[in-house]
N, C-alpha and C. Protein backbone atom coordinates (compact mmCIF):
# COMPACT_ATOMS: atom_id res chain seq x y z
N MET A 1 -9.00 20.34 47.48
CA MET A 1 -7.74 20.10 46.78
C MET A 1 -8.01 19.56 45.38
N THR A 2 -7.47 20.20 44.41
CA THR A 2 -7.70 19.76 43.03
C THR A 2 -6.54 18.88 42.58
N SER A 3 -6.88 17.89 41.79
CA SER A 3 -5.85 16.98 41.29
C SER A 3 -5.44 17.40 39.88
N THR A 4 -4.17 17.23 39.61
CA THR A 4 -3.64 17.59 38.29
C THR A 4 -3.92 16.46 37.31
N PRO A 5 -4.51 16.76 36.16
CA PRO A 5 -4.78 15.71 35.18
C PRO A 5 -3.50 14.96 34.82
N LYS A 6 -3.61 13.65 34.74
CA LYS A 6 -2.46 12.83 34.42
C LYS A 6 -2.07 13.02 32.95
N THR A 7 -0.79 13.27 32.73
CA THR A 7 -0.29 13.42 31.37
C THR A 7 0.16 12.07 30.85
N ILE A 8 -0.36 11.68 29.72
CA ILE A 8 0.00 10.40 29.12
C ILE A 8 1.14 10.61 28.14
N ALA A 9 2.16 9.80 28.27
CA ALA A 9 3.33 9.92 27.40
C ALA A 9 2.94 9.64 25.95
N PRO A 10 3.60 10.29 25.01
CA PRO A 10 3.32 10.01 23.60
C PRO A 10 3.52 8.53 23.28
N LYS A 11 2.80 8.07 22.30
CA LYS A 11 2.97 6.68 21.84
C LYS A 11 4.07 6.68 20.78
N ARG A 12 5.07 5.85 21.00
CA ARG A 12 6.22 5.81 20.10
C ARG A 12 6.13 4.60 19.18
N TYR A 13 6.57 4.79 17.96
CA TYR A 13 6.51 3.73 16.95
C TYR A 13 7.87 3.56 16.29
N CYS A 14 8.21 2.31 16.01
CA CYS A 14 9.34 1.96 15.14
C CYS A 14 8.80 0.90 14.20
N VAL A 15 8.57 1.26 12.94
CA VAL A 15 7.81 0.39 12.04
C VAL A 15 8.61 0.09 10.77
N ASP A 16 8.24 -1.01 10.13
CA ASP A 16 8.88 -1.39 8.88
C ASP A 16 8.49 -0.44 7.76
N VAL A 17 9.38 -0.30 6.80
CA VAL A 17 9.15 0.53 5.62
C VAL A 17 9.36 -0.33 4.37
N THR A 18 8.46 -0.17 3.42
CA THR A 18 8.61 -0.88 2.15
C THR A 18 8.61 0.12 1.01
N GLY A 19 9.27 -0.26 -0.09
CA GLY A 19 9.26 0.56 -1.29
C GLY A 19 8.14 0.11 -2.20
N ASN A 20 7.74 0.97 -3.13
CA ASN A 20 6.67 0.66 -4.08
C ASN A 20 7.25 0.54 -5.47
N GLY A 21 6.79 -0.47 -6.22
CA GLY A 21 7.25 -0.65 -7.58
C GLY A 21 8.33 -1.72 -7.68
N GLU A 22 8.35 -2.43 -8.78
CA GLU A 22 9.26 -3.56 -8.95
C GLU A 22 10.72 -3.12 -9.04
N SER A 23 10.96 -1.89 -9.48
CA SER A 23 12.33 -1.44 -9.68
C SER A 23 12.85 -0.61 -8.52
N SER A 24 12.14 -0.64 -7.39
CA SER A 24 12.53 0.19 -6.25
C SER A 24 13.90 -0.21 -5.71
N THR A 25 14.74 0.80 -5.42
CA THR A 25 16.03 0.57 -4.79
C THR A 25 16.03 1.26 -3.43
N THR A 26 14.94 1.09 -2.72
CA THR A 26 14.75 1.75 -1.43
C THR A 26 15.87 1.41 -0.47
N THR A 27 16.40 2.42 0.23
CA THR A 27 17.41 2.19 1.24
C THR A 27 16.83 2.25 2.65
N ALA A 28 15.73 2.97 2.85
CA ALA A 28 15.10 3.02 4.17
C ALA A 28 14.41 1.69 4.46
N THR A 29 14.63 1.16 5.65
CA THR A 29 13.98 -0.10 6.04
C THR A 29 13.03 0.08 7.22
N LEU A 30 13.11 1.23 7.89
CA LEU A 30 12.24 1.46 9.04
C LEU A 30 12.02 2.95 9.24
N ALA A 31 10.99 3.26 10.00
CA ALA A 31 10.68 4.65 10.32
C ALA A 31 10.35 4.76 11.80
N GLU A 32 10.63 5.90 12.36
CA GLU A 32 10.29 6.17 13.75
C GLU A 32 9.43 7.42 13.83
N PHE A 33 8.46 7.41 14.74
CA PHE A 33 7.67 8.60 15.00
C PHE A 33 6.97 8.43 16.34
N SER A 34 6.56 9.53 16.92
CA SER A 34 5.79 9.49 18.17
C SER A 34 4.60 10.42 18.03
N LEU A 35 3.50 10.02 18.63
CA LEU A 35 2.24 10.77 18.54
C LEU A 35 1.75 11.11 19.93
N ASP A 36 1.46 12.41 20.15
CA ASP A 36 0.88 12.79 21.44
C ASP A 36 -0.64 12.70 21.36
N GLU A 37 -1.30 12.99 22.44
CA GLU A 37 -2.75 12.80 22.50
C GLU A 37 -3.48 13.71 21.52
N ALA A 38 -3.00 14.94 21.35
CA ALA A 38 -3.68 15.87 20.42
C ALA A 38 -3.64 15.33 19.00
N VAL A 39 -2.47 14.81 18.59
CA VAL A 39 -2.36 14.26 17.24
C VAL A 39 -3.20 12.99 17.11
N ALA A 40 -3.20 12.19 18.16
CA ALA A 40 -4.01 10.96 18.14
C ALA A 40 -5.48 11.30 17.93
N ARG A 41 -5.97 12.33 18.62
CA ARG A 41 -7.37 12.71 18.46
C ARG A 41 -7.63 13.24 17.04
N ASP A 42 -6.66 13.95 16.47
CA ASP A 42 -6.81 14.42 15.08
C ASP A 42 -6.93 13.24 14.13
N ILE A 43 -6.08 12.23 14.33
CA ILE A 43 -6.10 11.05 13.47
C ILE A 43 -7.44 10.34 13.57
N LEU A 44 -7.94 10.20 14.78
CA LEU A 44 -9.23 9.52 14.97
C LEU A 44 -10.38 10.32 14.34
N LYS A 45 -10.29 11.64 14.40
CA LYS A 45 -11.32 12.48 13.75
C LYS A 45 -11.26 12.32 12.24
N LEU A 46 -10.04 12.30 11.68
CA LEU A 46 -9.90 12.10 10.24
C LEU A 46 -10.45 10.75 9.81
N SER A 47 -10.21 9.73 10.63
CA SER A 47 -10.72 8.40 10.31
C SER A 47 -12.25 8.39 10.31
N ALA A 48 -12.84 9.03 11.32
CA ALA A 48 -14.30 9.11 11.38
C ALA A 48 -14.86 9.86 10.18
N MET A 49 -14.16 10.91 9.75
CA MET A 49 -14.59 11.68 8.59
C MET A 49 -14.51 10.82 7.32
N ALA A 50 -13.43 10.03 7.20
CA ALA A 50 -13.28 9.17 6.03
C ALA A 50 -14.42 8.16 5.95
N ARG A 51 -14.79 7.59 7.09
CA ARG A 51 -15.90 6.62 7.11
C ARG A 51 -17.22 7.29 6.76
N GLU A 52 -17.44 8.48 7.35
CA GLU A 52 -18.71 9.18 7.13
C GLU A 52 -18.88 9.57 5.67
N LEU A 53 -17.80 10.02 5.04
CA LEU A 53 -17.86 10.48 3.66
C LEU A 53 -17.58 9.35 2.66
N LYS A 54 -17.36 8.14 3.18
CA LYS A 54 -17.07 6.97 2.33
C LYS A 54 -15.84 7.21 1.44
N LEU A 55 -14.79 7.79 2.07
CA LEU A 55 -13.54 8.02 1.37
C LEU A 55 -12.56 6.89 1.67
N SER A 56 -11.75 6.54 0.67
CA SER A 56 -10.78 5.48 0.90
C SER A 56 -9.70 5.92 1.88
N ARG A 57 -9.38 7.21 1.89
CA ARG A 57 -8.38 7.72 2.82
C ARG A 57 -8.39 9.24 2.81
N LEU A 58 -7.81 9.81 3.84
CA LEU A 58 -7.53 11.25 3.91
C LEU A 58 -6.04 11.39 4.15
N GLU A 59 -5.45 12.43 3.57
CA GLU A 59 -3.99 12.56 3.63
C GLU A 59 -3.62 14.02 3.86
N ARG A 60 -2.59 14.23 4.70
CA ARG A 60 -2.10 15.58 4.94
C ARG A 60 -0.58 15.53 5.09
N PHE A 61 0.09 16.62 4.74
CA PHE A 61 1.54 16.68 4.90
C PHE A 61 1.88 16.63 6.40
N ASP A 62 2.87 15.82 6.74
CA ASP A 62 3.25 15.65 8.14
C ASP A 62 4.67 15.08 8.17
N ASN A 63 5.61 15.83 8.73
CA ASN A 63 7.00 15.41 8.77
C ASN A 63 7.39 14.74 10.08
N SER A 64 6.42 14.16 10.79
CA SER A 64 6.71 13.58 12.09
C SER A 64 7.60 12.35 11.99
N ALA A 65 7.51 11.62 10.88
CA ALA A 65 8.26 10.37 10.75
C ALA A 65 9.67 10.63 10.22
N THR A 66 10.64 9.92 10.80
CA THR A 66 12.00 9.93 10.28
C THR A 66 12.32 8.53 9.77
N PHE A 67 13.10 8.46 8.70
CA PHE A 67 13.36 7.19 8.02
C PHE A 67 14.83 6.81 8.15
N HIS A 68 15.08 5.52 8.34
CA HIS A 68 16.43 5.06 8.64
C HIS A 68 16.73 3.73 7.95
N ARG A 69 18.04 3.44 7.86
CA ARG A 69 18.48 2.15 7.31
C ARG A 69 18.51 1.09 8.41
N GLU A 70 18.97 1.46 9.61
CA GLU A 70 19.04 0.55 10.75
C GLU A 70 18.39 1.23 11.95
N VAL A 71 18.01 0.44 12.94
CA VAL A 71 17.37 1.00 14.14
C VAL A 71 18.35 1.93 14.85
N PRO A 72 18.00 3.21 15.02
CA PRO A 72 18.91 4.16 15.68
C PRO A 72 19.36 3.65 17.05
N GLY A 73 20.65 3.84 17.33
CA GLY A 73 21.20 3.41 18.61
C GLY A 73 21.82 2.04 18.60
N THR A 74 21.53 1.23 17.59
CA THR A 74 22.11 -0.10 17.51
C THR A 74 23.54 0.00 16.96
N PRO A 75 24.36 -1.03 17.18
CA PRO A 75 25.73 -0.98 16.64
C PRO A 75 25.77 -0.78 15.14
N GLU A 76 24.81 -1.37 14.43
CA GLU A 76 24.77 -1.22 12.98
C GLU A 76 24.52 0.24 12.59
N ALA A 77 23.60 0.88 13.32
CA ALA A 77 23.30 2.29 13.03
C ALA A 77 24.47 3.19 13.38
N VAL A 78 25.12 2.90 14.51
CA VAL A 78 26.27 3.71 14.93
C VAL A 78 27.39 3.60 13.90
N ALA A 79 27.59 2.39 13.36
CA ALA A 79 28.63 2.19 12.36
C ALA A 79 28.35 3.00 11.09
N LEU A 80 27.08 3.17 10.75
CA LEU A 80 26.72 3.93 9.55
C LEU A 80 26.83 5.44 9.77
N GLY A 81 26.74 5.88 11.02
CA GLY A 81 26.81 7.30 11.31
C GLY A 81 25.65 8.06 10.68
N GLU A 82 25.96 9.21 10.07
CA GLU A 82 24.92 10.04 9.46
C GLU A 82 24.24 9.34 8.29
N GLU A 83 24.91 8.36 7.67
CA GLU A 83 24.33 7.66 6.54
C GLU A 83 23.16 6.77 6.95
N ASN A 84 22.97 6.60 8.26
CA ASN A 84 21.83 5.80 8.71
C ASN A 84 20.51 6.53 8.49
N ASP A 85 20.56 7.86 8.47
CA ASP A 85 19.36 8.65 8.26
C ASP A 85 19.11 8.81 6.76
N VAL A 86 17.90 8.47 6.32
CA VAL A 86 17.55 8.54 4.90
C VAL A 86 16.75 9.83 4.66
N PRO A 87 17.30 10.77 3.89
CA PRO A 87 16.57 12.03 3.62
C PRO A 87 15.36 11.78 2.73
N VAL A 88 14.26 12.43 3.05
CA VAL A 88 13.01 12.23 2.31
C VAL A 88 12.36 13.57 1.99
N ASP A 89 11.40 13.52 1.08
CA ASP A 89 10.62 14.70 0.70
C ASP A 89 9.14 14.35 0.74
N CYS A 90 8.31 15.38 0.98
CA CYS A 90 6.86 15.26 0.84
C CYS A 90 6.28 14.14 1.69
N THR A 91 6.69 14.04 2.94
CA THR A 91 6.13 13.04 3.83
C THR A 91 4.70 13.41 4.19
N SER A 92 3.82 12.42 4.18
CA SER A 92 2.42 12.69 4.51
C SER A 92 1.88 11.60 5.44
N LEU A 93 0.90 12.00 6.23
CA LEU A 93 0.16 11.08 7.09
C LEU A 93 -1.10 10.66 6.35
N VAL A 94 -1.30 9.37 6.23
CA VAL A 94 -2.46 8.83 5.53
C VAL A 94 -3.37 8.14 6.53
N VAL A 95 -4.64 8.52 6.55
CA VAL A 95 -5.60 7.95 7.49
C VAL A 95 -6.76 7.33 6.73
N THR A 96 -7.06 6.08 7.03
CA THR A 96 -8.20 5.40 6.42
C THR A 96 -9.28 5.20 7.48
N GLY A 97 -10.31 4.48 7.13
CA GLY A 97 -11.37 4.22 8.10
C GLY A 97 -10.98 3.25 9.18
N THR A 98 -9.86 2.54 8.99
CA THR A 98 -9.47 1.50 9.95
C THR A 98 -8.04 1.61 10.45
N ASP A 99 -7.18 2.36 9.77
CA ASP A 99 -5.78 2.43 10.20
C ASP A 99 -5.14 3.73 9.72
N PHE A 100 -3.84 3.86 9.96
CA PHE A 100 -3.11 5.04 9.50
C PHE A 100 -1.65 4.64 9.23
N TYR A 101 -0.97 5.45 8.43
CA TYR A 101 0.44 5.19 8.13
C TYR A 101 1.06 6.45 7.53
N PHE A 102 2.38 6.46 7.46
CA PHE A 102 3.10 7.55 6.80
C PHE A 102 3.65 7.05 5.46
N ARG A 103 3.74 7.95 4.50
CA ARG A 103 4.42 7.62 3.26
C ARG A 103 5.21 8.84 2.80
N SER A 104 6.25 8.57 2.01
CA SER A 104 7.14 9.65 1.61
C SER A 104 7.88 9.26 0.33
N TYR A 105 8.86 10.08 -0.04
CA TYR A 105 9.70 9.82 -1.21
C TYR A 105 11.16 10.03 -0.81
N GLU A 106 12.00 9.06 -1.13
CA GLU A 106 13.42 9.23 -0.84
C GLU A 106 13.99 10.37 -1.69
N LYS A 107 14.71 11.26 -1.04
CA LYS A 107 15.10 12.51 -1.69
C LYS A 107 15.98 12.30 -2.91
N HIS A 108 16.96 11.41 -2.85
CA HIS A 108 17.92 11.28 -3.94
C HIS A 108 17.41 10.41 -5.09
N SER A 109 16.69 9.34 -4.76
CA SER A 109 16.21 8.43 -5.80
C SER A 109 14.80 8.75 -6.27
N GLY A 110 14.02 9.43 -5.41
CA GLY A 110 12.62 9.68 -5.74
C GLY A 110 11.73 8.48 -5.52
N ASN A 111 12.29 7.39 -4.97
CA ASN A 111 11.48 6.19 -4.75
C ASN A 111 10.40 6.43 -3.70
N PRO A 112 9.16 6.02 -3.98
CA PRO A 112 8.11 6.12 -2.96
C PRO A 112 8.30 5.05 -1.90
N ILE A 113 8.08 5.41 -0.65
CA ILE A 113 8.19 4.47 0.46
C ILE A 113 6.98 4.63 1.37
N SER A 114 6.58 3.55 2.01
CA SER A 114 5.41 3.56 2.89
C SER A 114 5.71 2.80 4.17
N CYS A 115 5.21 3.33 5.28
CA CYS A 115 5.31 2.63 6.56
C CYS A 115 4.23 1.56 6.66
N ALA A 116 4.46 0.62 7.54
CA ALA A 116 3.43 -0.37 7.84
C ALA A 116 2.19 0.33 8.39
N HIS A 117 1.02 -0.22 8.10
CA HIS A 117 -0.23 0.35 8.58
C HIS A 117 -0.39 0.07 10.07
N GLU A 118 -0.83 1.08 10.82
CA GLU A 118 -0.96 0.96 12.26
C GLU A 118 -2.42 1.02 12.69
N SER A 119 -2.72 0.33 13.79
CA SER A 119 -4.09 0.19 14.29
C SER A 119 -4.60 1.47 14.95
N LEU A 120 -5.79 1.88 14.56
CA LEU A 120 -6.42 3.03 15.22
C LEU A 120 -6.86 2.67 16.63
N SER A 121 -7.34 1.45 16.81
CA SER A 121 -7.83 1.04 18.13
C SER A 121 -6.69 1.01 19.15
N GLU A 122 -5.50 0.56 18.74
CA GLU A 122 -4.35 0.56 19.66
C GLU A 122 -3.94 1.98 20.01
N LEU A 123 -3.99 2.87 19.03
CA LEU A 123 -3.66 4.27 19.28
C LEU A 123 -4.64 4.87 20.27
N ALA A 124 -5.92 4.64 20.07
CA ALA A 124 -6.95 5.18 20.98
C ALA A 124 -6.81 4.59 22.38
N SER A 125 -6.52 3.29 22.45
CA SER A 125 -6.39 2.62 23.75
C SER A 125 -5.24 3.20 24.56
N HIS A 126 -4.14 3.55 23.89
CA HIS A 126 -2.98 4.10 24.60
C HIS A 126 -3.35 5.37 25.36
N PHE A 127 -4.20 6.21 24.77
CA PHE A 127 -4.58 7.47 25.41
C PHE A 127 -5.93 7.39 26.13
N GLY A 128 -6.52 6.21 26.17
CA GLY A 128 -7.80 6.06 26.85
C GLY A 128 -8.93 6.80 26.15
N ILE A 129 -8.87 6.88 24.83
CA ILE A 129 -9.90 7.58 24.05
C ILE A 129 -10.95 6.58 23.62
N ASP A 130 -12.21 6.88 23.89
CA ASP A 130 -13.31 6.02 23.48
C ASP A 130 -13.58 6.22 22.00
N VAL A 131 -13.64 5.13 21.29
CA VAL A 131 -13.90 5.19 19.85
C VAL A 131 -15.12 4.36 19.53
N ILE A 132 -16.06 4.97 18.82
CA ILE A 132 -17.25 4.25 18.39
C ILE A 132 -16.89 3.41 17.19
N ALA A 133 -17.09 2.12 17.31
CA ALA A 133 -16.75 1.23 16.21
C ALA A 133 -17.60 1.56 14.99
N PRO A 134 -16.99 1.59 13.82
CA PRO A 134 -17.76 1.88 12.60
C PRO A 134 -18.73 0.77 12.28
N ALA A 135 -19.87 1.16 11.75
CA ALA A 135 -20.84 0.15 11.35
C ALA A 135 -20.27 -0.66 10.20
N GLU A 136 -20.56 -1.94 10.21
CA GLU A 136 -20.05 -2.80 9.16
C GLU A 136 -20.71 -2.49 7.82
N ALA A 137 -19.89 -2.24 6.84
CA ALA A 137 -20.41 -1.96 5.50
C ALA A 137 -20.80 -3.26 4.83
N PRO A 138 -21.79 -3.22 3.95
CA PRO A 138 -22.17 -4.44 3.24
C PRO A 138 -20.99 -4.98 2.45
N GLU A 139 -20.85 -6.29 2.43
CA GLU A 139 -19.72 -6.90 1.73
C GLU A 139 -19.86 -6.71 0.23
N LEU A 140 -18.79 -6.23 -0.38
CA LEU A 140 -18.80 -5.99 -1.82
C LEU A 140 -18.37 -7.25 -2.57
N PRO A 141 -18.84 -7.40 -3.82
CA PRO A 141 -18.37 -8.53 -4.63
C PRO A 141 -16.86 -8.46 -4.82
N LYS A 142 -16.25 -9.64 -4.90
CA LYS A 142 -14.81 -9.73 -5.11
C LYS A 142 -14.53 -10.17 -6.55
N TRP A 143 -13.42 -9.62 -7.10
CA TRP A 143 -13.11 -9.86 -8.50
C TRP A 143 -11.64 -10.17 -8.70
N HIS A 144 -11.35 -10.92 -9.78
CA HIS A 144 -10.01 -11.02 -10.33
C HIS A 144 -9.93 -10.00 -11.47
N VAL A 145 -9.00 -9.06 -11.40
CA VAL A 145 -8.74 -8.17 -12.53
C VAL A 145 -7.47 -8.68 -13.21
N LEU A 146 -7.62 -9.17 -14.44
CA LEU A 146 -6.52 -9.80 -15.15
C LEU A 146 -5.96 -8.87 -16.21
N GLY A 147 -4.65 -8.88 -16.36
CA GLY A 147 -4.02 -8.05 -17.37
C GLY A 147 -2.53 -8.30 -17.40
N ALA A 148 -1.79 -7.36 -17.99
CA ALA A 148 -0.34 -7.51 -18.12
C ALA A 148 0.34 -6.16 -17.94
N HIS A 149 1.52 -6.20 -17.32
CA HIS A 149 2.35 -5.01 -17.18
C HIS A 149 2.95 -4.63 -18.54
N GLU A 150 3.61 -3.49 -18.57
CA GLU A 150 4.23 -3.03 -19.81
C GLU A 150 5.21 -4.06 -20.37
N ASN A 151 5.90 -4.81 -19.46
CA ASN A 151 6.87 -5.80 -19.92
C ASN A 151 6.23 -7.11 -20.39
N GLY A 152 4.88 -7.18 -20.36
CA GLY A 152 4.18 -8.36 -20.82
C GLY A 152 3.86 -9.38 -19.74
N ASN A 153 4.41 -9.20 -18.54
CA ASN A 153 4.14 -10.15 -17.46
C ASN A 153 2.69 -9.99 -16.98
N PHE A 154 2.03 -11.12 -16.79
CA PHE A 154 0.64 -11.10 -16.37
C PHE A 154 0.50 -10.63 -14.92
N PHE A 155 -0.67 -10.08 -14.59
CA PHE A 155 -1.01 -9.83 -13.20
C PHE A 155 -2.45 -10.26 -12.94
N ASP A 156 -2.71 -10.61 -11.71
CA ASP A 156 -4.05 -10.93 -11.23
C ASP A 156 -4.25 -10.14 -9.95
N ILE A 157 -5.02 -9.07 -10.02
CA ILE A 157 -5.24 -8.20 -8.87
C ILE A 157 -6.60 -8.51 -8.27
N HIS A 158 -6.63 -8.79 -6.97
CA HIS A 158 -7.88 -9.10 -6.28
C HIS A 158 -8.45 -7.81 -5.69
N VAL A 159 -9.68 -7.48 -6.05
CA VAL A 159 -10.30 -6.25 -5.56
C VAL A 159 -11.74 -6.52 -5.13
N GLU A 160 -12.25 -5.60 -4.34
CA GLU A 160 -13.66 -5.60 -3.98
C GLU A 160 -14.29 -4.37 -4.62
N SER A 161 -15.41 -4.57 -5.30
CA SER A 161 -16.03 -3.47 -6.03
C SER A 161 -17.48 -3.82 -6.35
N PRO A 162 -18.36 -2.80 -6.46
CA PRO A 162 -19.77 -3.09 -6.74
C PRO A 162 -19.99 -3.80 -8.07
N GLU A 163 -19.17 -3.47 -9.08
CA GLU A 163 -19.34 -4.11 -10.39
C GLU A 163 -18.01 -4.15 -11.13
N SER A 164 -17.99 -4.81 -12.29
CA SER A 164 -16.73 -5.13 -12.95
C SER A 164 -15.96 -3.90 -13.44
N PHE A 165 -16.64 -2.91 -14.02
CA PHE A 165 -15.92 -1.75 -14.52
C PHE A 165 -15.28 -0.97 -13.37
N ALA A 166 -15.99 -0.90 -12.27
CA ALA A 166 -15.42 -0.23 -11.10
C ALA A 166 -14.23 -1.00 -10.57
N ALA A 167 -14.23 -2.33 -10.75
CA ALA A 167 -13.11 -3.15 -10.31
C ALA A 167 -11.84 -2.76 -11.07
N ILE A 168 -11.99 -2.46 -12.37
CA ILE A 168 -10.84 -2.03 -13.16
C ILE A 168 -10.30 -0.70 -12.62
N GLY A 169 -11.21 0.19 -12.24
CA GLY A 169 -10.77 1.47 -11.69
C GLY A 169 -9.99 1.30 -10.40
N VAL A 170 -10.44 0.39 -9.53
CA VAL A 170 -9.73 0.13 -8.27
C VAL A 170 -8.35 -0.46 -8.57
N ALA A 171 -8.31 -1.43 -9.50
CA ALA A 171 -7.04 -2.06 -9.85
C ALA A 171 -6.07 -1.05 -10.46
N ALA A 172 -6.60 -0.14 -11.29
CA ALA A 172 -5.76 0.87 -11.91
C ALA A 172 -5.12 1.78 -10.86
N LYS A 173 -5.90 2.14 -9.84
CA LYS A 173 -5.36 2.99 -8.78
C LYS A 173 -4.30 2.25 -7.99
N MET A 174 -4.51 0.96 -7.75
CA MET A 174 -3.52 0.16 -7.03
C MET A 174 -2.22 0.08 -7.82
N LEU A 175 -2.32 -0.09 -9.15
CA LEU A 175 -1.13 -0.13 -9.98
C LEU A 175 -0.40 1.21 -9.95
N GLU A 176 -1.17 2.30 -10.02
CA GLU A 176 -0.57 3.63 -10.00
C GLU A 176 0.20 3.85 -8.71
N GLU A 177 -0.39 3.47 -7.57
CA GLU A 177 0.25 3.69 -6.28
C GLU A 177 1.45 2.76 -6.09
N ALA A 178 1.49 1.67 -6.85
CA ALA A 178 2.63 0.75 -6.80
C ALA A 178 3.75 1.18 -7.74
N GLY A 179 3.59 2.31 -8.42
CA GLY A 179 4.63 2.84 -9.27
C GLY A 179 4.55 2.45 -10.72
N ASP A 180 3.41 1.89 -11.17
CA ASP A 180 3.28 1.53 -12.58
C ASP A 180 3.24 2.79 -13.43
N GLU A 181 3.88 2.74 -14.58
CA GLU A 181 4.00 3.93 -15.44
C GLU A 181 2.73 4.22 -16.25
N GLY A 182 1.73 3.35 -16.20
CA GLY A 182 0.49 3.63 -16.91
C GLY A 182 0.32 2.87 -18.20
N ASP A 183 1.27 1.97 -18.54
CA ASP A 183 1.18 1.22 -19.79
C ASP A 183 0.68 -0.20 -19.59
N ALA A 184 0.16 -0.49 -18.42
CA ALA A 184 -0.42 -1.82 -18.19
C ALA A 184 -1.70 -1.97 -19.02
N GLN A 185 -2.04 -3.21 -19.33
CA GLN A 185 -3.26 -3.49 -20.09
C GLN A 185 -4.18 -4.38 -19.27
N PHE A 186 -5.48 -4.12 -19.39
CA PHE A 186 -6.47 -4.94 -18.69
C PHE A 186 -7.14 -5.87 -19.70
N PHE A 187 -7.23 -7.15 -19.37
CA PHE A 187 -7.79 -8.15 -20.28
C PHE A 187 -9.20 -8.57 -19.90
N ALA A 188 -9.43 -8.79 -18.61
CA ALA A 188 -10.74 -9.31 -18.19
C ALA A 188 -10.95 -9.08 -16.71
N VAL A 189 -12.23 -9.05 -16.32
CA VAL A 189 -12.62 -9.01 -14.92
C VAL A 189 -13.57 -10.17 -14.69
N ILE A 190 -13.20 -11.08 -13.80
CA ILE A 190 -14.02 -12.26 -13.56
C ILE A 190 -14.30 -12.40 -12.07
N PRO A 191 -15.43 -13.02 -11.70
CA PRO A 191 -15.75 -13.18 -10.28
C PRO A 191 -14.64 -13.91 -9.54
N PHE A 192 -14.37 -13.48 -8.34
CA PHE A 192 -13.32 -14.08 -7.53
C PHE A 192 -13.62 -15.57 -7.29
N GLY A 193 -12.60 -16.38 -7.43
CA GLY A 193 -12.76 -17.81 -7.25
C GLY A 193 -12.96 -18.58 -8.54
N THR A 194 -13.23 -17.84 -9.64
CA THR A 194 -13.39 -18.50 -10.93
C THR A 194 -12.06 -19.12 -11.36
N LYS A 195 -12.09 -20.35 -11.81
CA LYS A 195 -10.87 -21.02 -12.24
C LYS A 195 -10.48 -20.55 -13.64
N TYR A 196 -9.22 -20.25 -13.82
CA TYR A 196 -8.72 -19.83 -15.13
C TYR A 196 -7.24 -20.18 -15.19
N GLU A 197 -6.65 -20.01 -16.34
CA GLU A 197 -5.23 -20.32 -16.50
C GLU A 197 -4.60 -19.36 -17.50
N PHE A 198 -3.49 -18.74 -17.09
CA PHE A 198 -2.72 -17.91 -18.01
C PHE A 198 -1.86 -18.81 -18.90
N PRO A 199 -1.60 -18.39 -20.14
CA PRO A 199 -0.71 -19.17 -21.02
C PRO A 199 0.75 -18.88 -20.72
N GLY A 200 1.19 -19.25 -19.52
CA GLY A 200 2.56 -18.98 -19.12
C GLY A 200 2.64 -17.77 -18.20
N ASP A 201 3.82 -17.15 -18.18
CA ASP A 201 4.05 -16.01 -17.29
C ASP A 201 3.80 -14.67 -17.96
N SER A 202 3.78 -14.66 -19.28
CA SER A 202 3.65 -13.38 -19.98
C SER A 202 2.81 -13.55 -21.24
N VAL A 203 2.49 -12.42 -21.86
CA VAL A 203 1.62 -12.40 -23.04
C VAL A 203 2.26 -13.20 -24.18
N VAL A 204 1.44 -14.00 -24.88
CA VAL A 204 1.88 -14.79 -26.02
C VAL A 204 1.18 -14.26 -27.26
N ASP A 205 1.96 -13.90 -28.29
CA ASP A 205 1.33 -13.38 -29.51
C ASP A 205 1.11 -14.50 -30.52
N LEU A 206 0.35 -14.18 -31.56
CA LEU A 206 -0.05 -15.18 -32.56
C LEU A 206 1.16 -15.79 -33.26
N SER A 207 2.14 -14.97 -33.62
CA SER A 207 3.29 -15.49 -34.34
C SER A 207 4.06 -16.52 -33.52
N THR A 208 4.08 -16.31 -32.20
CA THR A 208 4.77 -17.27 -31.33
C THR A 208 4.04 -18.61 -31.32
N VAL A 209 2.72 -18.55 -31.19
CA VAL A 209 1.93 -19.79 -31.14
C VAL A 209 2.04 -20.57 -32.45
N LEU A 210 2.06 -19.84 -33.59
CA LEU A 210 2.10 -20.50 -34.89
C LEU A 210 3.51 -20.86 -35.35
N ASP A 211 4.50 -20.48 -34.57
CA ASP A 211 5.87 -20.84 -34.91
C ASP A 211 5.99 -22.36 -34.95
N PRO A 212 6.49 -22.95 -36.04
CA PRO A 212 6.60 -24.41 -36.13
C PRO A 212 7.32 -25.05 -34.96
N GLU A 213 8.29 -24.32 -34.38
CA GLU A 213 9.02 -24.87 -33.25
C GLU A 213 8.17 -24.95 -31.99
N GLN A 214 7.06 -24.22 -31.97
CA GLN A 214 6.17 -24.22 -30.81
C GLN A 214 4.94 -25.10 -31.02
N LYS A 215 4.91 -25.80 -32.14
CA LYS A 215 3.71 -26.57 -32.50
C LYS A 215 3.33 -27.56 -31.41
N ASP A 216 4.28 -28.27 -30.88
CA ASP A 216 3.99 -29.27 -29.84
C ASP A 216 3.60 -28.62 -28.53
N VAL A 217 4.18 -27.45 -28.27
CA VAL A 217 3.88 -26.77 -26.99
C VAL A 217 2.41 -26.38 -26.94
N TYR A 218 1.88 -25.81 -28.06
CA TYR A 218 0.50 -25.31 -28.09
C TYR A 218 -0.45 -26.25 -28.80
N SER A 219 0.04 -27.42 -29.22
CA SER A 219 -0.82 -28.41 -29.89
C SER A 219 -1.60 -27.80 -31.05
N VAL A 220 -0.91 -27.06 -31.89
CA VAL A 220 -1.55 -26.42 -33.03
C VAL A 220 -1.93 -27.50 -34.07
N PRO A 221 -3.21 -27.59 -34.43
CA PRO A 221 -3.61 -28.60 -35.41
C PRO A 221 -3.14 -28.23 -36.81
N ASP A 222 -3.00 -29.24 -37.67
CA ASP A 222 -2.62 -28.97 -39.07
C ASP A 222 -3.72 -28.27 -39.83
N SER A 223 -4.95 -28.54 -39.45
CA SER A 223 -6.09 -27.88 -40.09
C SER A 223 -7.28 -27.96 -39.17
N ILE A 224 -8.31 -27.13 -39.44
CA ILE A 224 -9.54 -27.13 -38.65
C ILE A 224 -10.71 -27.36 -39.59
């Protein structure tokens, strides 16, 4: 007598959604999706490939996730009716060496949105898939990347990178993915933990410092 292989139910997710960029007017607050064993194995293979090739992530188009304002089925969602569903474009599945998530763009506003990152180990455990833990990579130096956004407000981005110039490249990519328009400026890269102080919240120009009304603020001497 042969036994029928046990079918494992898909793993279902209801996860938080965040918008990218300071001016985001994202309306989606959560996403739902379910993954069957075949998709789970694909995700784990992509993750292994990303680790082997030392890629930060692999991405493919995937419309499995649906985006909503309120949890479907709740009184709040029922009250919203069809408006509870947020239409999106270009949804993709993103897989890294340690986790995975969905990201998309809201159809009417064009705002980028991203789901919370989900654990690969939990996904594998649900389907009883054995996963070989990745070898620990050598710890990279940590840096403060200092600069200012287009509006002059300072930023301090913490990154890990082999050296300082590469740290700027990592920070630039992070700004791009956060919706920065590309007009940010980089001032310095210093080892993480180094003590420093910005002159306020935003860039200060020479004319401001030398303004007689600001003399006491900046302790400008009468002569040197």
